[in-house]
Every structure is written in structure tokens, then in C-alpha cells.
């Protein structure tokens, strides 16, 4: 089974190790498809993710060429993984095989735990969710659609960090909290919620 990552540079792993997808165009194609894993993405949208607003030719033809190259790069383990549809392509991803899906699953479970008052479980789940990140989402890919997607994902990450701090606050301010919260506020000074939380934590510590 192949596993995939978009929470950092686009990454593919097989059972015997990492699969080399070195072409930036193939990484952009794969990243755009993985953002909507298990759903067809039109050739026009894939072309925009690779080349920006003005692809140098027919989107369908350009994407077909890149898909063929990507299939070769992925190797025999990708059989049945990158599938053509009526209007584009989809990447079939099994449960637990995409870091974005795991992040979303864990954060949703954490939100339910926090809403139910189980802040210890929420804090643990959010730590696991944030561990899915290997760096900025879709790192190194620079087309407008992928930059916008990366910004949306970064906002989800920041919200998860903030929820983890808020949940940890209910646990009596664990030792890791003050230094991490201080560093977060220094990096993101305009996020008022965490600034207020830091003031509260410092006041009662």
C-alpha cells in the first residue's frame, strides 16, 4: 500500500521505503489530486495547479502527459491508484494512508472530546494530529491554487495548536505549555485568543 503526505513537501512511501517523485510538475499534480483524494479532479484544475492560470496548451493533453510520467515514477505499487475519469483524474487513497485525512480525523475527535469535557484526551489527540505535519503544507509548490490551499491548511494547523493550548489549560498548565505558548504568541502576535491565554497562564502561574 502506498501512503501519501501533503502536510509538508508532497511525499509518497511504499512498504519498502520512500518513492522518489522529483519532478515539481508531478508533485504539483499529485498534491492537487491528494487535496481531493478519492474524488475526481478535472484536468483544468490539475493544469492550473501545475502551470498556474495559463497552461501552455490543452489542459487535458498536458495533464495526460504528466499523469503518465507520474505513474512511471510511482512504479508498480501505484497500479489502480491514479485513475482516469470522464473529466480528469483521481487518486485512490486507503483509510489512514494520507496525512491530511489523519490530521482531520484526529482534530475532529479532539474537538468532540473537548466539547465533552475530556481535555486530557483532546490534548493528546491534538498532539497526535499536529505530529502529522512535517513542515509547511505542499512545501516548494508555488502555483496560485496550491498556495491558496497551503494557506487554508496552515490556518487549520494554527487552530489545532490553539485548541491544544486551550485544552491543556484545563489540565493545570503542563510544563511544556508556557514555553510553547510564549513561542507561538511571539510568532503569531495577531492571534488575540492565544495572547489572552498567555496572559492568563502567566498571571496564575
N, C-alpha and C. Protein backbone atom coordinates (compact mmCIF):
# COMPACT_ATOMS: atom_id res chain seq x y z
N UNK A 1 0.84 -1.20 0.00
CA UNK A 1 0.00 0.00 0.00
C UNK A 1 0.87 1.25 0.00
N UNK A 2 0.53 2.21 -0.84
CA UNK A 2 1.22 3.48 -0.84
C UNK A 2 0.60 4.40 0.22
N UNK A 3 1.44 5.18 0.87
CA UNK A 3 0.96 6.22 1.77
C UNK A 3 1.45 7.56 1.23
N UNK A 4 0.68 8.62 1.55
CA UNK A 4 0.93 9.91 0.94
C UNK A 4 0.98 11.01 2.00
N UNK A 5 1.72 12.06 1.68
CA UNK A 5 1.80 13.21 2.57
C UNK A 5 1.70 14.51 1.80
N UNK A 6 0.89 15.42 2.31
CA UNK A 6 0.84 16.79 1.78
C UNK A 6 1.12 17.82 2.87
N UNK A 7 1.21 17.37 4.13
CA UNK A 7 1.46 18.28 5.25
C UNK A 7 2.97 18.45 5.43
N UNK A 8 3.56 19.08 4.46
CA UNK A 8 4.99 19.21 4.27
C UNK A 8 5.22 19.10 2.78
N UNK A 9 6.43 18.82 2.31
CA UNK A 9 6.60 18.52 0.89
C UNK A 9 5.76 17.31 0.51
N UNK A 10 5.26 17.29 -0.71
CA UNK A 10 4.48 16.13 -1.19
C UNK A 10 5.37 14.90 -1.10
N UNK A 11 4.83 13.85 -0.51
CA UNK A 11 5.64 12.66 -0.23
C UNK A 11 4.84 11.40 -0.52
N UNK A 12 5.52 10.39 -1.02
CA UNK A 12 4.92 9.08 -1.25
C UNK A 12 5.84 8.04 -0.64
N UNK A 13 5.24 7.08 0.06
CA UNK A 13 6.03 5.99 0.63
C UNK A 13 5.39 4.67 0.26
N UNK A 14 6.23 3.69 -0.04
CA UNK A 14 5.80 2.31 -0.24
C UNK A 14 6.26 1.49 0.97
N UNK A 15 5.89 0.24 1.00
CA UNK A 15 6.24 -0.61 2.15
C UNK A 15 7.74 -0.71 2.33
N UNK A 16 8.50 -0.60 1.24
CA UNK A 16 9.95 -0.75 1.33
C UNK A 16 10.69 0.58 1.35
N UNK A 17 9.97 1.69 1.51
CA UNK A 17 10.65 2.97 1.64
C UNK A 17 10.02 4.06 0.80
N UNK A 18 10.67 5.21 0.78
CA UNK A 18 10.14 6.39 0.09
C UNK A 18 10.21 6.23 -1.42
N UNK A 19 9.17 6.70 -2.10
CA UNK A 19 9.11 6.69 -3.56
C UNK A 19 9.55 8.06 -4.05
N UNK A 20 10.50 8.10 -4.96
CA UNK A 20 11.05 9.36 -5.43
C UNK A 20 10.14 9.96 -6.50
N UNK A 21 9.51 11.10 -6.16
CA UNK A 21 8.79 11.90 -7.15
C UNK A 21 9.50 13.24 -7.16
N UNK A 22 10.46 13.38 -8.06
CA UNK A 22 11.37 14.53 -8.02
C UNK A 22 10.90 15.69 -8.90
N UNK A 23 10.05 15.43 -9.87
CA UNK A 23 9.58 16.49 -10.76
C UNK A 23 8.60 17.40 -10.04
N UNK A 24 8.85 18.71 -10.09
CA UNK A 24 7.94 19.66 -9.45
C UNK A 24 6.55 19.59 -10.07
N UNK A 25 6.48 19.36 -11.37
CA UNK A 25 5.17 19.27 -12.02
C UNK A 25 4.40 18.04 -11.54
N UNK A 26 5.10 16.94 -11.40
CA UNK A 26 4.44 15.73 -10.91
C UNK A 26 4.04 15.89 -9.45
N UNK A 27 4.87 16.55 -8.66
CA UNK A 27 4.50 16.82 -7.27
C UNK A 27 3.25 17.70 -7.20
N UNK A 28 3.18 18.72 -8.06
CA UNK A 28 2.01 19.60 -8.07
C UNK A 28 0.77 18.84 -8.49
N UNK A 29 0.89 18.00 -9.50
CA UNK A 29 -0.24 17.17 -9.93
C UNK A 29 -0.72 16.28 -8.79
N UNK A 30 0.22 15.60 -8.16
CA UNK A 30 -0.14 14.68 -7.09
C UNK A 30 -0.72 15.44 -5.89
N UNK A 31 -0.10 16.56 -5.54
CA UNK A 31 -0.61 17.35 -4.43
C UNK A 31 -2.02 17.82 -4.66
N UNK A 32 -2.30 18.34 -5.86
CA UNK A 32 -3.65 18.81 -6.16
C UNK A 32 -4.66 17.68 -6.12
N UNK A 33 -4.28 16.52 -6.63
CA UNK A 33 -5.20 15.37 -6.60
C UNK A 33 -5.42 14.88 -5.18
N UNK A 34 -4.37 14.89 -4.36
CA UNK A 34 -4.50 14.41 -2.98
C UNK A 34 -5.35 15.33 -2.12
N UNK A 35 -5.39 16.62 -2.45
CA UNK A 35 -6.25 17.52 -1.69
C UNK A 35 -7.72 17.14 -1.80
N UNK A 36 -8.06 16.41 -2.87
CA UNK A 36 -9.41 15.89 -3.04
C UNK A 36 -9.34 14.39 -3.28
N UNK A 37 -8.56 13.72 -2.44
CA UNK A 37 -8.34 12.29 -2.62
C UNK A 37 -9.65 11.53 -2.70
N UNK A 38 -9.68 10.53 -3.57
CA UNK A 38 -10.86 9.67 -3.80
C UNK A 38 -12.00 10.40 -4.51
N UNK A 39 -11.74 11.59 -5.03
CA UNK A 39 -12.72 12.32 -5.85
C UNK A 39 -12.00 12.79 -7.11
N UNK A 40 -12.72 12.80 -8.21
CA UNK A 40 -12.12 13.22 -9.47
C UNK A 40 -11.84 14.72 -9.46
N UNK A 41 -10.66 15.08 -9.92
CA UNK A 41 -10.27 16.48 -10.10
C UNK A 41 -10.13 16.72 -11.60
N UNK A 42 -10.75 17.76 -12.09
CA UNK A 42 -10.75 17.99 -13.53
C UNK A 42 -9.34 18.29 -14.03
N UNK A 43 -9.14 17.99 -15.31
CA UNK A 43 -7.84 18.29 -15.92
C UNK A 43 -7.55 19.78 -15.87
N UNK A 44 -8.59 20.60 -16.00
CA UNK A 44 -8.38 22.05 -15.95
C UNK A 44 -7.83 22.48 -14.59
N UNK A 45 -8.38 21.92 -13.52
CA UNK A 45 -7.90 22.29 -12.18
C UNK A 45 -6.50 21.74 -11.94
N UNK A 46 -6.24 20.54 -12.42
CA UNK A 46 -4.90 19.98 -12.26
C UNK A 46 -3.88 20.81 -13.04
N UNK A 47 -4.25 21.21 -14.25
CA UNK A 47 -3.34 22.03 -15.04
C UNK A 47 -3.06 23.37 -14.37
N UNK A 48 -4.10 23.97 -13.78
CA UNK A 48 -3.90 25.23 -13.07
C UNK A 48 -2.97 25.05 -11.88
N UNK A 49 -3.07 23.91 -11.20
CA UNK A 49 -2.19 23.64 -10.07
C UNK A 49 -0.74 23.48 -10.51
N UNK A 50 -0.54 22.97 -11.72
CA UNK A 50 0.81 22.74 -12.21
C UNK A 50 1.41 24.00 -12.84
N UNK A 51 0.62 24.65 -13.71
CA UNK A 51 1.17 25.74 -14.52
C UNK A 51 0.62 27.12 -14.17
N UNK A 52 -0.34 27.20 -13.28
CA UNK A 52 -0.96 28.48 -13.00
C UNK A 52 -2.14 28.73 -13.93
N UNK A 53 -2.47 29.99 -14.10
CA UNK A 53 -3.71 30.33 -14.81
C UNK A 53 -3.64 30.10 -16.31
N UNK A 54 -2.45 30.03 -16.89
CA UNK A 54 -2.34 29.91 -18.35
C UNK A 54 -1.46 28.72 -18.72
N UNK A 55 -2.02 27.52 -18.71
CA UNK A 55 -1.23 26.36 -19.14
C UNK A 55 -0.79 26.52 -20.59
N UNK A 56 0.39 26.02 -20.94
CA UNK A 56 0.93 26.22 -22.30
C UNK A 56 0.38 25.23 -23.31
N UNK A 57 -0.94 25.08 -23.36
CA UNK A 57 -1.54 24.14 -24.29
C UNK A 57 -2.84 23.61 -23.75
N UNK A 58 -3.34 22.54 -24.34
CA UNK A 58 -4.58 21.92 -23.91
C UNK A 58 -4.40 21.30 -22.53
N UNK A 59 -5.22 21.71 -21.53
CA UNK A 59 -5.07 21.11 -20.20
C UNK A 59 -5.15 19.60 -20.21
N UNK A 60 -6.08 19.03 -20.98
CA UNK A 60 -6.24 17.58 -21.00
C UNK A 60 -4.97 16.90 -21.50
N UNK A 61 -4.39 17.43 -22.59
CA UNK A 61 -3.17 16.82 -23.15
C UNK A 61 -1.98 17.00 -22.21
N UNK A 62 -1.85 18.19 -21.65
CA UNK A 62 -0.72 18.45 -20.76
C UNK A 62 -0.78 17.56 -19.52
N UNK A 63 -1.97 17.44 -18.95
CA UNK A 63 -2.11 16.64 -17.73
C UNK A 63 -1.92 15.16 -18.05
N UNK A 64 -2.42 14.72 -19.18
CA UNK A 64 -2.25 13.30 -19.56
C UNK A 64 -0.77 12.93 -19.60
N UNK A 65 0.04 13.82 -20.15
CA UNK A 65 1.49 13.56 -20.21
C UNK A 65 2.10 13.46 -18.82
N UNK A 66 1.70 14.37 -17.93
CA UNK A 66 2.23 14.37 -16.57
C UNK A 66 1.75 13.16 -15.79
N UNK A 67 0.50 12.74 -16.01
CA UNK A 67 -0.02 11.55 -15.34
C UNK A 67 0.79 10.32 -15.74
N UNK A 68 1.08 10.20 -17.03
CA UNK A 68 1.87 9.05 -17.49
C UNK A 68 3.24 9.04 -16.83
N UNK A 69 3.86 10.21 -16.73
CA UNK A 69 5.18 10.29 -16.08
C UNK A 69 5.08 9.98 -14.59
N UNK A 70 4.02 10.47 -13.95
CA UNK A 70 3.84 10.21 -12.52
C UNK A 70 3.62 8.73 -12.26
N UNK A 71 2.84 8.09 -13.11
CA UNK A 71 2.63 6.65 -12.93
C UNK A 71 3.94 5.89 -13.02
N UNK A 72 4.79 6.30 -13.94
CA UNK A 72 6.11 5.64 -14.04
C UNK A 72 6.92 5.88 -12.78
N UNK A 73 6.88 7.10 -12.25
CA UNK A 73 7.64 7.41 -11.04
C UNK A 73 7.13 6.61 -9.84
N UNK A 74 5.82 6.44 -9.76
CA UNK A 74 5.25 5.73 -8.62
C UNK A 74 5.51 4.24 -8.69
N UNK A 75 5.68 3.71 -9.89
CA UNK A 75 6.05 2.31 -10.04
C UNK A 75 4.86 1.37 -9.94
N UNK A 76 5.14 0.06 -9.90
CA UNK A 76 4.06 -0.93 -9.93
C UNK A 76 3.15 -0.86 -8.72
N UNK A 77 3.62 -0.31 -7.61
CA UNK A 77 2.76 -0.20 -6.43
C UNK A 77 1.61 0.76 -6.60
N UNK A 78 1.65 1.55 -7.68
CA UNK A 78 0.59 2.53 -7.92
C UNK A 78 -0.51 2.00 -8.83
N UNK A 79 -0.46 0.73 -9.18
CA UNK A 79 -1.48 0.18 -10.07
C UNK A 79 -2.87 0.39 -9.45
N UNK A 80 -3.74 1.01 -10.22
CA UNK A 80 -5.10 1.28 -9.72
C UNK A 80 -5.19 2.45 -8.77
N UNK A 81 -4.08 3.16 -8.57
CA UNK A 81 -4.08 4.28 -7.60
C UNK A 81 -4.44 5.60 -8.27
N UNK A 82 -3.85 5.88 -9.42
CA UNK A 82 -4.09 7.13 -10.16
C UNK A 82 -4.98 6.78 -11.34
N UNK A 83 -6.25 7.17 -11.25
CA UNK A 83 -7.28 6.66 -12.14
C UNK A 83 -7.87 7.78 -12.98
N UNK A 84 -8.06 7.51 -14.27
CA UNK A 84 -8.69 8.48 -15.16
C UNK A 84 -10.21 8.43 -14.99
N UNK A 85 -10.83 9.62 -15.03
CA UNK A 85 -12.28 9.73 -15.00
C UNK A 85 -12.77 10.43 -16.24
N UNK A 86 -14.06 10.72 -16.32
CA UNK A 86 -14.61 11.36 -17.51
C UNK A 86 -14.00 12.74 -17.80
N UNK A 87 -13.62 13.46 -16.75
CA UNK A 87 -13.17 14.84 -16.94
C UNK A 87 -11.79 15.11 -16.34
N UNK A 88 -11.20 14.11 -15.71
CA UNK A 88 -9.90 14.34 -15.08
C UNK A 88 -9.37 13.06 -14.46
N UNK A 89 -8.82 13.18 -13.25
CA UNK A 89 -8.18 12.05 -12.59
C UNK A 89 -8.46 12.08 -11.10
N UNK A 90 -8.38 10.90 -10.50
CA UNK A 90 -8.47 10.83 -9.04
C UNK A 90 -7.37 9.92 -8.51
N UNK A 91 -6.98 10.19 -7.28
CA UNK A 91 -6.04 9.33 -6.57
C UNK A 91 -6.82 8.55 -5.52
N UNK A 92 -6.76 7.25 -5.62
CA UNK A 92 -7.41 6.40 -4.62
C UNK A 92 -6.49 6.26 -3.41
N UNK A 93 -7.01 6.61 -2.26
CA UNK A 93 -6.23 6.57 -1.02
C UNK A 93 -6.99 5.73 0.00
N UNK A 94 -6.32 4.76 0.57
CA UNK A 94 -6.95 3.91 1.57
C UNK A 94 -7.01 4.65 2.92
N UNK A 95 -7.87 4.15 3.79
CA UNK A 95 -8.02 4.75 5.11
C UNK A 95 -6.68 4.75 5.84
N UNK A 96 -6.32 5.90 6.39
CA UNK A 96 -5.08 6.02 7.14
C UNK A 96 -3.84 6.22 6.28
N UNK A 97 -4.01 6.34 4.95
CA UNK A 97 -2.85 6.42 4.06
C UNK A 97 -2.50 7.83 3.62
N UNK A 98 -3.22 8.85 4.12
CA UNK A 98 -2.93 10.24 3.77
C UNK A 98 -2.86 11.05 5.05
N UNK A 99 -1.76 11.78 5.24
CA UNK A 99 -1.58 12.52 6.49
C UNK A 99 -2.67 13.56 6.71
N UNK A 100 -3.17 14.18 5.65
CA UNK A 100 -4.24 15.17 5.80
C UNK A 100 -5.50 14.53 6.37
N UNK A 101 -5.85 13.35 5.89
CA UNK A 101 -7.03 12.66 6.42
C UNK A 101 -6.84 12.33 7.89
N UNK A 102 -5.64 11.89 8.26
CA UNK A 102 -5.38 11.57 9.67
C UNK A 102 -5.46 12.82 10.53
N UNK A 103 -4.90 13.91 10.04
CA UNK A 103 -4.98 15.17 10.78
C UNK A 103 -6.44 15.57 10.99
N UNK A 104 -7.24 15.49 9.95
CA UNK A 104 -8.66 15.85 10.06
C UNK A 104 -9.40 14.92 11.01
N UNK A 105 -9.11 13.63 10.93
CA UNK A 105 -9.78 12.66 11.81
C UNK A 105 -9.43 12.91 13.28
N UNK A 106 -8.16 13.15 13.55
CA UNK A 106 -7.72 13.35 14.93
C UNK A 106 -8.23 14.68 15.49
N UNK A 107 -8.22 15.73 14.69
CA UNK A 107 -8.71 17.01 15.19
C UNK A 107 -10.22 16.96 15.44
N UNK A 108 -10.96 16.27 14.58
CA UNK A 108 -12.40 16.13 14.81
C UNK A 108 -12.67 15.37 16.09
N UNK A 109 -11.91 14.30 16.34
CA UNK A 109 -12.08 13.54 17.58
C UNK A 109 -11.71 14.39 18.78
N UNK A 110 -10.67 15.21 18.65
CA UNK A 110 -10.26 16.08 19.75
C UNK A 110 -11.34 17.13 20.06
N UNK A 111 -11.94 17.68 19.02
CA UNK A 111 -13.00 18.68 19.23
C UNK A 111 -14.18 18.05 19.96
N UNK A 112 -14.52 16.80 19.62
CA UNK A 112 -15.61 16.11 20.32
C UNK A 112 -15.23 15.87 21.78
N UNK A 113 -13.97 15.47 22.01
CA UNK A 113 -13.52 15.23 23.37
C UNK A 113 -13.55 16.51 24.20
N UNK A 114 -13.08 17.61 23.62
CA UNK A 114 -13.07 18.88 24.34
C UNK A 114 -14.49 19.34 24.64
N UNK A 115 -15.39 19.17 23.67
CA UNK A 115 -16.78 19.57 23.89
C UNK A 115 -17.42 18.76 25.01
N UNK A 116 -16.96 17.52 25.16
CA UNK A 116 -17.47 16.66 26.23
C UNK A 116 -16.73 16.81 27.54
N UNK A 117 -15.76 17.71 27.62
CA UNK A 117 -15.04 17.95 28.86
C UNK A 117 -13.83 17.07 29.08
N UNK A 118 -13.50 16.19 28.13
CA UNK A 118 -12.33 15.31 28.29
C UNK A 118 -11.12 16.01 27.69
N UNK A 119 -10.56 16.95 28.42
CA UNK A 119 -9.47 17.76 27.90
C UNK A 119 -8.15 17.00 27.85
N UNK A 120 -7.99 16.01 28.67
CA UNK A 120 -6.77 15.20 28.61
C UNK A 120 -6.73 14.46 27.27
N UNK A 121 -7.84 13.84 26.90
CA UNK A 121 -7.90 13.13 25.61
C UNK A 121 -7.77 14.12 24.46
N UNK A 122 -8.42 15.27 24.56
CA UNK A 122 -8.35 16.27 23.49
C UNK A 122 -6.90 16.72 23.29
N UNK A 123 -6.20 16.99 24.37
CA UNK A 123 -4.81 17.43 24.27
C UNK A 123 -3.94 16.37 23.62
N UNK A 124 -4.14 15.13 24.01
CA UNK A 124 -3.36 14.03 23.43
C UNK A 124 -3.66 13.86 21.94
N UNK A 125 -4.92 13.89 21.58
CA UNK A 125 -5.30 13.73 20.18
C UNK A 125 -4.74 14.86 19.31
N UNK A 126 -4.77 16.07 19.84
CA UNK A 126 -4.26 17.20 19.07
C UNK A 126 -2.75 17.11 18.90
N UNK A 127 -2.07 16.61 19.93
CA UNK A 127 -0.64 16.38 19.77
C UNK A 127 -0.35 15.38 18.66
N UNK A 128 -1.17 14.31 18.60
CA UNK A 128 -1.01 13.32 17.53
C UNK A 128 -1.33 13.93 16.17
N UNK A 129 -2.37 14.79 16.13
CA UNK A 129 -2.74 15.43 14.86
C UNK A 129 -1.62 16.33 14.36
N UNK A 130 -1.06 17.12 15.24
CA UNK A 130 -0.01 18.05 14.84
C UNK A 130 1.28 17.32 14.46
N UNK A 131 1.46 16.11 14.98
CA UNK A 131 2.63 15.32 14.62
C UNK A 131 2.59 14.86 13.16
N UNK A 132 1.43 14.97 12.52
CA UNK A 132 1.34 14.61 11.10
C UNK A 132 2.10 15.61 10.22
N UNK A 133 2.33 16.81 10.74
CA UNK A 133 2.96 17.86 9.93
C UNK A 133 4.47 17.68 9.90
N UNK A 134 5.04 17.82 8.69
CA UNK A 134 6.49 17.73 8.51
C UNK A 134 7.09 19.06 8.09
N UNK A 135 6.27 20.10 8.05
CA UNK A 135 6.69 21.42 7.59
C UNK A 135 5.49 22.10 6.97
N UNK A 136 5.69 23.23 6.28
CA UNK A 136 4.56 23.89 5.62
C UNK A 136 3.90 22.97 4.61
N UNK A 137 2.58 22.97 4.58
CA UNK A 137 1.86 22.12 3.64
C UNK A 137 2.26 22.43 2.20
N UNK A 138 2.40 21.36 1.39
CA UNK A 138 2.71 21.50 -0.04
C UNK A 138 3.97 22.32 -0.26
N UNK A 139 4.92 22.18 0.64
CA UNK A 139 6.14 22.99 0.59
C UNK A 139 6.84 22.85 -0.75
N UNK A 140 7.27 24.00 -1.29
CA UNK A 140 8.01 24.01 -2.54
C UNK A 140 7.16 24.15 -3.79
N UNK A 141 5.83 24.09 -3.64
CA UNK A 141 4.93 24.22 -4.79
C UNK A 141 4.33 25.62 -4.79
N UNK A 142 4.37 26.27 -5.96
CA UNK A 142 4.16 27.72 -5.94
C UNK A 142 3.08 28.23 -6.88
N UNK A 143 2.21 27.37 -7.40
CA UNK A 143 1.13 27.88 -8.25
C UNK A 143 0.07 28.53 -7.37
N UNK A 144 -0.69 29.50 -7.90
CA UNK A 144 -1.71 30.17 -7.08
C UNK A 144 -2.70 29.21 -6.40
N UNK A 145 -3.24 28.19 -7.10
CA UNK A 145 -4.18 27.29 -6.40
C UNK A 145 -3.54 26.54 -5.23
N UNK A 146 -2.30 26.12 -5.39
CA UNK A 146 -1.65 25.37 -4.31
C UNK A 146 -1.21 26.30 -3.18
N UNK A 147 -0.83 27.54 -3.50
CA UNK A 147 -0.54 28.49 -2.42
C UNK A 147 -1.79 28.75 -1.59
N UNK A 148 -2.93 28.91 -2.26
CA UNK A 148 -4.18 29.14 -1.53
C UNK A 148 -4.54 27.93 -0.68
N UNK A 149 -4.36 26.73 -1.22
CA UNK A 149 -4.65 25.52 -0.45
C UNK A 149 -3.72 25.41 0.76
N UNK A 150 -2.45 25.72 0.56
CA UNK A 150 -1.49 25.66 1.66
C UNK A 150 -1.87 26.64 2.76
N UNK A 151 -2.34 27.83 2.39
CA UNK A 151 -2.75 28.82 3.38
C UNK A 151 -3.95 28.33 4.18
N UNK A 152 -4.90 27.68 3.51
CA UNK A 152 -6.06 27.12 4.22
C UNK A 152 -5.62 26.04 5.20
N UNK A 153 -4.72 25.18 4.77
CA UNK A 153 -4.25 24.11 5.65
C UNK A 153 -3.47 24.68 6.83
N UNK A 154 -2.68 25.72 6.60
CA UNK A 154 -1.92 26.34 7.69
C UNK A 154 -2.87 26.92 8.73
N UNK A 155 -3.98 27.49 8.30
CA UNK A 155 -4.95 28.02 9.25
C UNK A 155 -5.55 26.88 10.08
N UNK A 156 -5.80 25.74 9.48
CA UNK A 156 -6.30 24.59 10.24
C UNK A 156 -5.26 24.14 11.27
N UNK A 157 -3.99 24.17 10.87
CA UNK A 157 -2.93 23.79 11.82
C UNK A 157 -2.90 24.74 13.00
N UNK A 158 -2.96 26.05 12.72
CA UNK A 158 -2.92 27.03 13.80
C UNK A 158 -4.10 26.87 14.74
N UNK A 159 -5.27 26.59 14.20
CA UNK A 159 -6.44 26.39 15.05
C UNK A 159 -6.26 25.15 15.93
N UNK A 160 -5.64 24.12 15.38
CA UNK A 160 -5.39 22.91 16.18
C UNK A 160 -4.40 23.21 17.31
N UNK A 161 -3.37 24.00 17.01
CA UNK A 161 -2.42 24.40 18.05
C UNK A 161 -3.14 25.16 19.16
N UNK A 162 -4.00 26.10 18.75
CA UNK A 162 -4.72 26.91 19.74
C UNK A 162 -5.67 26.06 20.58
N UNK A 163 -6.34 25.11 19.96
CA UNK A 163 -7.24 24.24 20.72
C UNK A 163 -6.45 23.38 21.70
N UNK A 164 -5.25 22.95 21.28
CA UNK A 164 -4.41 22.16 22.20
C UNK A 164 -4.01 22.99 23.42
N UNK A 165 -3.64 24.24 23.19
CA UNK A 165 -3.31 25.10 24.33
C UNK A 165 -4.53 25.28 25.24
N UNK A 166 -5.68 25.53 24.63
CA UNK A 166 -6.90 25.75 25.43
C UNK A 166 -7.26 24.52 26.23
N UNK A 167 -7.12 23.33 25.62
CA UNK A 167 -7.43 22.10 26.35
C UNK A 167 -6.42 21.86 27.46
N UNK A 168 -5.13 22.11 27.16
CA UNK A 168 -4.10 21.91 28.17
C UNK A 168 -4.28 22.84 29.36
N UNK A 169 -4.86 24.00 29.10
CA UNK A 169 -5.08 24.96 30.18
C UNK A 169 -6.00 24.37 31.25
N UNK A 170 -6.89 23.48 30.84
CA UNK A 170 -7.80 22.84 31.80
C UNK A 170 -7.09 21.78 32.64
N UNK A 171 -5.87 21.42 32.27
CA UNK A 171 -5.16 20.35 32.96
C UNK A 171 -4.16 20.89 33.97
N UNK A 172 -4.22 22.18 34.25
CA UNK A 172 -3.31 22.75 35.24
C UNK A 172 -2.00 23.21 34.66
N UNK A 173 -1.99 23.58 33.38
CA UNK A 173 -0.80 24.17 32.74
C UNK A 173 0.40 23.22 32.79
N UNK A 174 0.42 22.19 31.94
CA UNK A 174 1.58 21.28 31.91
C UNK A 174 2.88 22.04 31.67
N UNK A 175 4.00 21.42 32.02
CA UNK A 175 5.29 22.09 31.97
C UNK A 175 5.64 22.59 30.57
N UNK A 176 5.20 21.87 29.53
CA UNK A 176 5.54 22.27 28.17
C UNK A 176 4.77 23.50 27.71
N UNK A 177 3.68 23.83 28.40
CA UNK A 177 2.74 24.78 27.84
C UNK A 177 3.28 26.21 27.77
N UNK A 178 3.87 26.71 28.85
CA UNK A 178 4.29 28.11 28.87
C UNK A 178 5.35 28.40 27.81
N UNK A 179 6.42 27.60 27.70
CA UNK A 179 7.40 27.93 26.65
C UNK A 179 6.84 27.80 25.24
N UNK A 180 6.00 26.79 25.00
CA UNK A 180 5.43 26.63 23.66
C UNK A 180 4.44 27.74 23.35
N UNK A 181 3.63 28.10 24.34
CA UNK A 181 2.65 29.16 24.13
C UNK A 181 3.34 30.51 23.93
N UNK A 182 4.40 30.76 24.70
CA UNK A 182 5.16 32.00 24.54
C UNK A 182 5.76 32.10 23.14
N UNK A 183 6.34 30.99 22.67
CA UNK A 183 6.93 30.99 21.32
C UNK A 183 5.86 31.17 20.25
N UNK A 184 4.70 30.56 20.45
CA UNK A 184 3.62 30.68 19.47
C UNK A 184 3.13 32.12 19.38
N UNK A 185 2.95 32.77 20.53
CA UNK A 185 2.48 34.15 20.53
C UNK A 185 3.52 35.08 19.89
N UNK A 186 4.79 34.81 20.14
CA UNK A 186 5.84 35.63 19.52
C UNK A 186 5.82 35.48 17.99
N UNK A 187 5.50 34.29 17.51
CA UNK A 187 5.48 34.04 16.07
C UNK A 187 4.19 34.54 15.42
N UNK A 188 3.09 34.52 16.22
CA UNK A 188 1.78 34.91 15.68
C UNK A 188 1.13 35.95 16.61
N UNK A 189 1.68 37.15 16.68
CA UNK A 189 1.23 38.13 17.68
C UNK A 189 -0.18 38.65 17.44
N UNK A 190 -0.74 38.46 16.27
CA UNK A 190 -2.07 39.00 15.98
C UNK A 190 -3.21 38.02 16.30
N UNK A 191 -2.87 36.87 16.80
CA UNK A 191 -3.91 35.90 17.17
C UNK A 191 -4.31 36.19 18.62
N UNK A 192 -5.38 36.94 18.75
CA UNK A 192 -5.75 37.50 20.04
C UNK A 192 -6.07 36.44 21.08
N UNK A 193 -6.65 35.33 20.66
CA UNK A 193 -7.04 34.30 21.62
C UNK A 193 -5.85 33.74 22.37
N UNK A 194 -4.79 33.44 21.65
CA UNK A 194 -3.62 32.87 22.32
C UNK A 194 -2.88 33.92 23.14
N UNK A 195 -2.89 35.17 22.70
CA UNK A 195 -2.27 36.24 23.52
C UNK A 195 -3.00 36.36 24.86
N UNK A 196 -4.33 36.32 24.81
CA UNK A 196 -5.10 36.40 26.05
C UNK A 196 -4.85 35.17 26.92
N UNK A 197 -4.75 34.02 26.30
CA UNK A 197 -4.49 32.80 27.06
C UNK A 197 -3.12 32.85 27.74
N UNK A 198 -2.11 33.39 27.02
CA UNK A 198 -0.78 33.51 27.62
C UNK A 198 -0.82 34.45 28.81
N UNK A 199 -1.51 35.58 28.68
CA UNK A 199 -1.61 36.49 29.82
C UNK A 199 -2.25 35.81 31.02
N UNK A 200 -3.29 35.01 30.76
CA UNK A 200 -3.96 34.30 31.86
C UNK A 200 -3.02 33.29 32.49
N UNK A 201 -2.31 32.52 31.68
CA UNK A 201 -1.43 31.48 32.21
C UNK A 201 -0.31 32.11 33.04
N UNK A 202 0.29 33.19 32.54
CA UNK A 202 1.36 33.85 33.29
C UNK A 202 0.86 34.45 34.59
N UNK A 203 -0.39 34.92 34.57
CA UNK A 203 -0.95 35.53 35.77
C UNK A 203 -1.17 34.50 36.89
N UNK A 204 -1.60 33.31 36.50
CA UNK A 204 -1.95 32.31 37.53
C UNK A 204 -0.79 31.36 37.83
N UNK A 205 0.28 31.43 37.03
CA UNK A 205 1.41 30.51 37.25
C UNK A 205 2.20 30.91 38.50
